[in-house]
Amino acid sequence: MWVGMWDLVDQHLLPLLFEGCSVEPSLECALVKLALIAVGALGLYCTRSLYGEDGRPEYAHVNFSRIA
């Protein structure tokens, strides 16, 4: 599903929306993709999808006393 979505955006939508993305490599298309990466990262940060409510990644601390 993700590969199909990436193909749809990268090969079809971006060239329709931005003229610079119709022929790659181009600086305009690179800037558009970097902006989309920044928007995605900001979305992950704002929705707390990466760090949860306490600000720590859940995978950063393993409590081995609970495992044993």
PDB file of N, CA and C in Angstrom:
ATOM      1  N   MET A   1       0.826  -1.183   0.000  1.00  0.00           N
ATOM      2  CA  MET A   1       0.000   0.000   0.000  1.00  0.00           C
ATOM      3  C   MET A   1       0.876   1.255   0.000  1.00  0.00           C
ATOM      4  N   TRP A   2       1.927   1.280   0.847  1.00  0.00           N
ATOM      5  CA  TRP A   2       2.756   2.473   0.929  1.00  0.00           C
ATOM      6  C   TRP A   2       3.536   2.703  -0.356  1.00  0.00           C
ATOM      7  N   VAL A   3       3.979   1.612  -0.990  1.00  0.00           N
ATOM      8  CA  VAL A   3       4.721   1.748  -2.238  1.00  0.00           C
ATOM      9  C   VAL A   3       3.803   2.297  -3.325  1.00  0.00           C
ATOM     10  N   GLY A   4       2.581   1.822  -3.372  1.00  0.00           N
ATOM     11  CA  GLY A   4       1.618   2.334  -4.342  1.00  0.00           C
ATOM     12  C   GLY A   4       1.289   3.796  -4.109  1.00  0.00           C
ATOM     13  N   MET A   5       1.161   4.178  -2.846  1.00  0.00           N
ATOM     14  CA  MET A   5       0.883   5.581  -2.528  1.00  0.00           C
ATOM     15  C   MET A   5       2.075   6.458  -2.911  1.00  0.00           C
ATOM     16  N   TRP A   6       3.291   5.972  -2.620  1.00  0.00           N
ATOM     17  CA  TRP A   6       4.489   6.726  -2.995  1.00  0.00           C
ATOM     18  C   TRP A   6       4.552   6.904  -4.510  1.00  0.00           C
ATOM     19  N   ASP A   7       4.255   5.840  -5.251  1.00  0.00           N
ATOM     20  CA  ASP A   7       4.266   5.910  -6.711  1.00  0.00           C
ATOM     21  C   ASP A   7       3.229   6.909  -7.208  1.00  0.00           C
ATOM     22  N   LEU A   8       2.057   6.898  -6.630  1.00  0.00           N
ATOM     23  CA  LEU A   8       1.006   7.832  -7.026  1.00  0.00           C
ATOM     24  C   LEU A   8       1.440   9.277  -6.809  1.00  0.00           C
ATOM     25  N   VAL A   9       2.001   9.560  -5.648  1.00  0.00           N
ATOM     26  CA  VAL A   9       2.419  10.926  -5.336  1.00  0.00           C
ATOM     27  C   VAL A   9       3.635  11.329  -6.166  1.00  0.00           C
ATOM     28  N   ASP A  10       4.649  10.486  -6.183  1.00  0.00           N
ATOM     29  CA  ASP A  10       5.918  10.842  -6.815  1.00  0.00           C
ATOM     30  C   ASP A  10       5.830  10.878  -8.332  1.00  0.00           C
ATOM     31  N   GLN A  11       5.143   9.940  -8.925  1.00  0.00           N
ATOM     32  CA  GLN A  11       5.119   9.844 -10.384  1.00  0.00           C
ATOM     33  C   GLN A  11       3.945  10.558 -11.040  1.00  0.00           C
ATOM     34  N   HIS A  12       2.877  10.810 -10.280  1.00  0.00           N
ATOM     35  CA  HIS A  12       1.677  11.355 -10.914  1.00  0.00           C
ATOM     36  C   HIS A  12       1.243  12.706 -10.344  1.00  0.00           C
ATOM     37  N   LEU A  13       1.126  12.809  -9.017  1.00  0.00           N
ATOM     38  CA  LEU A  13       0.620  14.051  -8.431  1.00  0.00           C
ATOM     39  C   LEU A  13       1.628  15.199  -8.470  1.00  0.00           C
ATOM     40  N   LEU A  14       2.858  14.940  -8.057  1.00  0.00           N
ATOM     41  CA  LEU A  14       3.854  16.017  -8.050  1.00  0.00           C
ATOM     42  C   LEU A  14       4.104  16.603  -9.433  1.00  0.00           C
ATOM     43  N   PRO A  15       4.232  15.798 -10.495  1.00  0.00           N
ATOM     44  CA  PRO A  15       4.391  16.409 -11.818  1.00  0.00           C
ATOM     45  C   PRO A  15       3.177  17.219 -12.264  1.00  0.00           C
ATOM     46  N   LEU A  16       1.994  16.835 -11.807  1.00  0.00           N
ATOM     47  CA  LEU A  16       0.802  17.620 -12.150  1.00  0.00           C
ATOM     48  C   LEU A  16       0.760  18.957 -11.410  1.00  0.00           C
ATOM     49  N   LEU A  17       1.201  18.948 -10.151  1.00  0.00           N
ATOM     50  CA  LEU A  17       1.113  20.148  -9.331  1.00  0.00           C
ATOM     51  C   LEU A  17       2.301  21.090  -9.502  1.00  0.00           C
ATOM     52  N   PHE A  18       3.480  20.531  -9.765  1.00  0.00           N
ATOM     53  CA  PHE A  18       4.695  21.341  -9.861  1.00  0.00           C
ATOM     54  C   PHE A  18       5.399  21.034 -11.176  1.00  0.00           C
ATOM     55  N   GLU A  19       5.584  22.057 -11.982  1.00  0.00           N
ATOM     56  CA  GLU A  19       6.181  21.872 -13.302  1.00  0.00           C
ATOM     57  C   GLU A  19       7.614  21.351 -13.215  1.00  0.00           C
ATOM     58  N   GLY A  20       8.341  21.742 -12.186  1.00  0.00           N
ATOM     59  CA  GLY A  20       9.715  21.309 -12.024  1.00  0.00           C
ATOM     60  C   GLY A  20       9.865  19.823 -11.751  1.00  0.00           C
ATOM     61  N   CYS A  21       8.804  19.173 -11.308  1.00  0.00           N
ATOM     62  CA  CYS A  21       8.877  17.744 -10.994  1.00  0.00           C
ATOM     63  C   CYS A  21       8.595  16.855 -12.206  1.00  0.00           C
ATOM     64  N   SER A  22       8.291  17.455 -13.345  1.00  0.00           N
ATOM     65  CA  SER A  22       8.033  16.635 -14.525  1.00  0.00           C
ATOM     66  C   SER A  22       9.325  16.087 -15.121  1.00  0.00           C
ATOM     67  N   VAL A  23      10.446  16.791 -14.915  1.00  0.00           N
ATOM     68  CA  VAL A  23      11.748  16.317 -15.373  1.00  0.00           C
ATOM     69  C   VAL A  23      12.682  16.325 -14.174  1.00  0.00           C
ATOM     70  N   GLU A  24      13.143  15.141 -13.811  1.00  0.00           N
ATOM     71  CA  GLU A  24      14.050  15.049 -12.663  1.00  0.00           C
ATOM     72  C   GLU A  24      15.434  14.686 -13.146  1.00  0.00           C
ATOM     73  N   PRO A  25      16.477  15.025 -12.489  1.00  0.00           N
ATOM     74  CA  PRO A  25      16.559  15.782 -11.249  1.00  0.00           C
ATOM     75  C   PRO A  25      16.424  17.280 -11.504  1.00  0.00           C
ATOM     76  N   SER A  26      15.764  17.942 -10.595  1.00  0.00           N
ATOM     77  CA  SER A  26      15.648  19.400 -10.653  1.00  0.00           C
ATOM     78  C   SER A  26      15.640  19.950  -9.238  1.00  0.00           C
ATOM     79  N   LEU A  27      16.148  21.143  -9.100  1.00  0.00           N
ATOM     80  CA  LEU A  27      16.220  21.773  -7.784  1.00  0.00           C
ATOM     81  C   LEU A  27      14.828  22.053  -7.239  1.00  0.00           C
ATOM     82  N   GLU A  28      13.912  22.480  -8.106  1.00  0.00           N
ATOM     83  CA  GLU A  28      12.547  22.778  -7.655  1.00  0.00           C
ATOM     84  C   GLU A  28      11.876  21.530  -7.072  1.00  0.00           C
ATOM     85  N   CYS A  29      12.048  20.402  -7.734  1.00  0.00           N
ATOM     86  CA  CYS A  29      11.428  19.166  -7.239  1.00  0.00           C
ATOM     87  C   CYS A  29      12.080  18.717  -5.939  1.00  0.00           C
ATOM     88  N   ALA A  30      13.378  18.879  -5.826  1.00  0.00           N
ATOM     89  CA  ALA A  30      14.055  18.528  -4.575  1.00  0.00           C
ATOM     90  C   ALA A  30      13.549  19.387  -3.429  1.00  0.00           C
ATOM     91  N   LEU A  31      13.333  20.670  -3.681  1.00  0.00           N
ATOM     92  CA  LEU A  31      12.812  21.556  -2.634  1.00  0.00           C
ATOM     93  C   LEU A  31      11.383  21.193  -2.260  1.00  0.00           C
ATOM     94  N   VAL A  32      10.574  20.823  -3.240  1.00  0.00           N
ATOM     95  CA  VAL A  32       9.199  20.400  -2.960  1.00  0.00           C
ATOM     96  C   VAL A  32       9.209  19.147  -2.085  1.00  0.00           C
ATOM     97  N   LYS A  33      10.058  18.182  -2.420  1.00  0.00           N
ATOM     98  CA  LYS A  33      10.112  16.946  -1.641  1.00  0.00           C
ATOM     99  C   LYS A  33      10.649  17.195  -0.233  1.00  0.00           C
ATOM    100  N   LEU A  34      11.633  18.077  -0.103  1.00  0.00           N
ATOM    101  CA  LEU A  34      12.125  18.429   1.234  1.00  0.00           C
ATOM    102  C   LEU A  34      11.049  19.119   2.059  1.00  0.00           C
ATOM    103  N   ALA A  35      10.248  19.958   1.421  1.00  0.00           N
ATOM    104  CA  ALA A  35       9.146  20.615   2.126  1.00  0.00           C
ATOM    105  C   ALA A  35       8.105  19.587   2.582  1.00  0.00           C
ATOM    106  N   LEU A  36       7.833  18.598   1.749  1.00  0.00           N
ATOM    107  CA  LEU A  36       6.884  17.548   2.133  1.00  0.00           C
ATOM    108  C   LEU A  36       7.428  16.707   3.286  1.00  0.00           C
ATOM    109  N   ILE A  37       8.725  16.450   3.286  1.00  0.00           N
ATOM    110  CA  ILE A  37       9.341  15.729   4.403  1.00  0.00           C
ATOM    111  C   ILE A  37       9.205  16.541   5.689  1.00  0.00           C
ATOM    112  N   ALA A  38       9.443  17.852   5.608  1.00  0.00           N
ATOM    113  CA  ALA A  38       9.331  18.718   6.785  1.00  0.00           C
ATOM    114  C   ALA A  38       7.893  18.761   7.299  1.00  0.00           C
ATOM    115  N   VAL A  39       6.923  18.831   6.404  1.00  0.00           N
ATOM    116  CA  VAL A  39       5.519  18.845   6.817  1.00  0.00           C
ATOM    117  C   VAL A  39       5.158  17.525   7.489  1.00  0.00           C
ATOM    118  N   GLY A  40       5.643  16.413   6.941  1.00  0.00           N
ATOM    119  CA  GLY A  40       5.380  15.109   7.554  1.00  0.00           C
ATOM    120  C   GLY A  40       6.008  14.981   8.930  1.00  0.00           C
ATOM    121  N   ALA A  41       7.249  15.456   9.068  1.00  0.00           N
ATOM    122  CA  ALA A  41       7.919  15.403  10.370  1.00  0.00           C
ATOM    123  C   ALA A  41       7.202  16.288  11.379  1.00  0.00           C
ATOM    124  N   LEU A  42       6.769  17.460  10.954  1.00  0.00           N
ATOM    125  CA  LEU A  42       6.018  18.346  11.839  1.00  0.00           C
ATOM    126  C   LEU A  42       4.693  17.702  12.251  1.00  0.00           C
ATOM    127  N   GLY A  43       4.047  17.027  11.322  1.00  0.00           N
ATOM    128  CA  GLY A  43       2.804  16.326  11.642  1.00  0.00           C
ATOM    129  C   GLY A  43       3.025  15.219  12.654  1.00  0.00           C
ATOM    130  N   LEU A  44       4.116  14.454  12.496  1.00  0.00           N
ATOM    131  CA  LEU A  44       4.421  13.413  13.472  1.00  0.00           C
ATOM    132  C   LEU A  44       4.705  14.010  14.841  1.00  0.00           C
ATOM    133  N   TYR A  45       5.408  15.128  14.872  1.00  0.00           N
ATOM    134  CA  TYR A  45       5.717  15.775  16.149  1.00  0.00           C
ATOM    135  C   TYR A  45       4.446  16.333  16.801  1.00  0.00           C
ATOM    136  N   CYS A  46       3.624  17.017  16.029  1.00  0.00           N
ATOM    137  CA  CYS A  46       2.421  17.651  16.595  1.00  0.00           C
ATOM    138  C   CYS A  46       1.388  16.634  17.070  1.00  0.00           C
ATOM    139  N   THR A  47       1.302  15.501  16.408  1.00  0.00           N
ATOM    140  CA  THR A  47       0.337  14.488  16.836  1.00  0.00           C
ATOM    141  C   THR A  47       0.911  13.545  17.878  1.00  0.00           C
ATOM    142  N   ARG A  48       2.183  13.744  18.239  1.00  0.00           N
ATOM    143  CA  ARG A  48       2.885  12.923  19.220  1.00  0.00           C
ATOM    144  C   ARG A  48       2.919  11.459  18.812  1.00  0.00           C
ATOM    145  N   SER A  49       2.966  11.210  17.515  1.00  0.00           N
ATOM    146  CA  SER A  49       3.021   9.842  17.012  1.00  0.00           C
ATOM    147  C   SER A  49       4.356   9.181  17.309  1.00  0.00           C
ATOM    148  N   LEU A  50       5.414   9.953  17.474  1.00  0.00           N
ATOM    149  CA  LEU A  50       6.730   9.389  17.729  1.00  0.00           C
ATOM    150  C   LEU A  50       7.026   9.232  19.206  1.00  0.00           C
ATOM    151  N   TYR A  51       6.633  10.196  20.025  1.00  0.00           N
ATOM    152  CA  TYR A  51       7.114  10.241  21.400  1.00  0.00           C
ATOM    153  C   TYR A  51       6.042  10.080  22.467  1.00  0.00           C
ATOM    154  N   GLY A  52       4.795  10.034  22.136  1.00  0.00           N
ATOM    155  CA  GLY A  52       3.750   9.883  23.132  1.00  0.00           C
ATOM    156  C   GLY A  52       3.604  11.134  23.982  1.00  0.00           C
ATOM    157  N   GLU A  53       2.970  11.010  25.115  1.00  0.00           N
ATOM    158  CA  GLU A  53       2.669  12.164  25.949  1.00  0.00           C
ATOM    159  C   GLU A  53       3.841  12.616  26.813  1.00  0.00           C
ATOM    160  N   ASP A  54       4.716  11.691  27.217  1.00  0.00           N
ATOM    161  CA  ASP A  54       5.768  12.066  28.156  1.00  0.00           C
ATOM    162  C   ASP A  54       7.031  12.583  27.472  1.00  0.00           C
ATOM    163  N   GLY A  55       7.073  12.591  26.154  1.00  0.00           N
ATOM    164  CA  GLY A  55       8.219  13.144  25.460  1.00  0.00           C
ATOM    165  C   GLY A  55       9.362  12.181  25.228  1.00  0.00           C
ATOM    166  N   ARG A  56       9.225  10.928  25.657  1.00  0.00           N
ATOM    167  CA  ARG A  56      10.278   9.929  25.444  1.00  0.00           C
ATOM    168  C   ARG A  56       9.788   8.894  24.441  1.00  0.00           C
ATOM    169  N   PRO A  57      10.662   8.438  23.573  1.00  0.00           N
ATOM    170  CA  PRO A  57      10.259   7.323  22.717  1.00  0.00           C
ATOM    171  C   PRO A  57      10.010   6.087  23.572  1.00  0.00           C
ATOM    172  N   GLU A  58       8.980   5.328  23.252  1.00  0.00           N
ATOM    173  CA  GLU A  58       8.643   4.157  24.049  1.00  0.00           C
ATOM    174  C   GLU A  58       9.727   3.088  23.978  1.00  0.00           C
ATOM    175  N   TYR A  59      10.466   3.043  22.906  1.00  0.00           N
ATOM    176  CA  TYR A  59      11.475   2.011  22.741  1.00  0.00           C
ATOM    177  C   TYR A  59      12.818   2.392  23.341  1.00  0.00           C
ATOM    178  N   ALA A  60      12.949   3.589  23.904  1.00  0.00           N
ATOM    179  CA  ALA A  60      14.251   4.059  24.378  1.00  0.00           C
ATOM    180  C   ALA A  60      14.646   3.423  25.703  1.00  0.00           C
ATOM    181  N   HIS A  61      13.703   3.033  26.517  1.00  0.00           N
ATOM    182  CA  HIS A  61      14.025   2.512  27.846  1.00  0.00           C
ATOM    183  C   HIS A  61      13.410   1.128  27.995  1.00  0.00           C
ATOM    184  N   VAL A  62      14.243   0.170  28.272  1.00  0.00           N
ATOM    185  CA  VAL A  62      13.775  -1.192  28.504  1.00  0.00           C
ATOM    186  C   VAL A  62      13.985  -1.505  29.975  1.00  0.00           C
ATOM    187  N   ASN A  63      12.925  -1.870  30.652  1.00  0.00           N
ATOM    188  CA  ASN A  63      12.987  -2.197  32.062  1.00  0.00           C
ATOM    189  C   ASN A  63      13.201  -3.714  32.180  1.00  0.00           C
ATOM    190  N   PHE A  64      14.482  -4.110  32.370  1.00  0.00           N
ATOM    191  CA  PHE A  64      14.801  -5.525  32.410  1.00  0.00           C
ATOM    192  C   PHE A  64      14.286  -6.209  33.668  1.00  0.00           C
ATOM    193  N   SER A  65      14.003  -5.464  34.727  1.00  0.00           N
ATOM    194  CA  SER A  65      13.491  -6.092  35.944  1.00  0.00           C
ATOM    195  C   SER A  65      12.086  -6.652  35.721  1.00  0.00           C
ATOM    196  N   ARG A  66      11.335  -6.075  34.801  1.00  0.00           N
ATOM    197  CA  ARG A  66      10.008  -6.581  34.527  1.00  0.00           C
ATOM    198  C   ARG A  66      10.045  -7.820  33.649  1.00  0.00           C
ATOM    199  N   ILE A  67      11.139  -7.984  32.891  1.00  0.00           N
ATOM    200  CA  ILE A  67      11.258  -9.137  32.001  1.00  0.00           C
ATOM    201  C   ILE A  67      11.605 -10.396  32.792  1.00  0.00           C
ATOM    202  N   ALA A  68      12.500 -10.272  33.757  1.00  0.00           N
ATOM    203  CA  ALA A  68      12.992 -11.423  34.510  1.00  0.00           C
ATOM    204  C   ALA A  68      12.022 -11.932  35.532  1.00  0.00           C
TER     205      ALA A  68
END
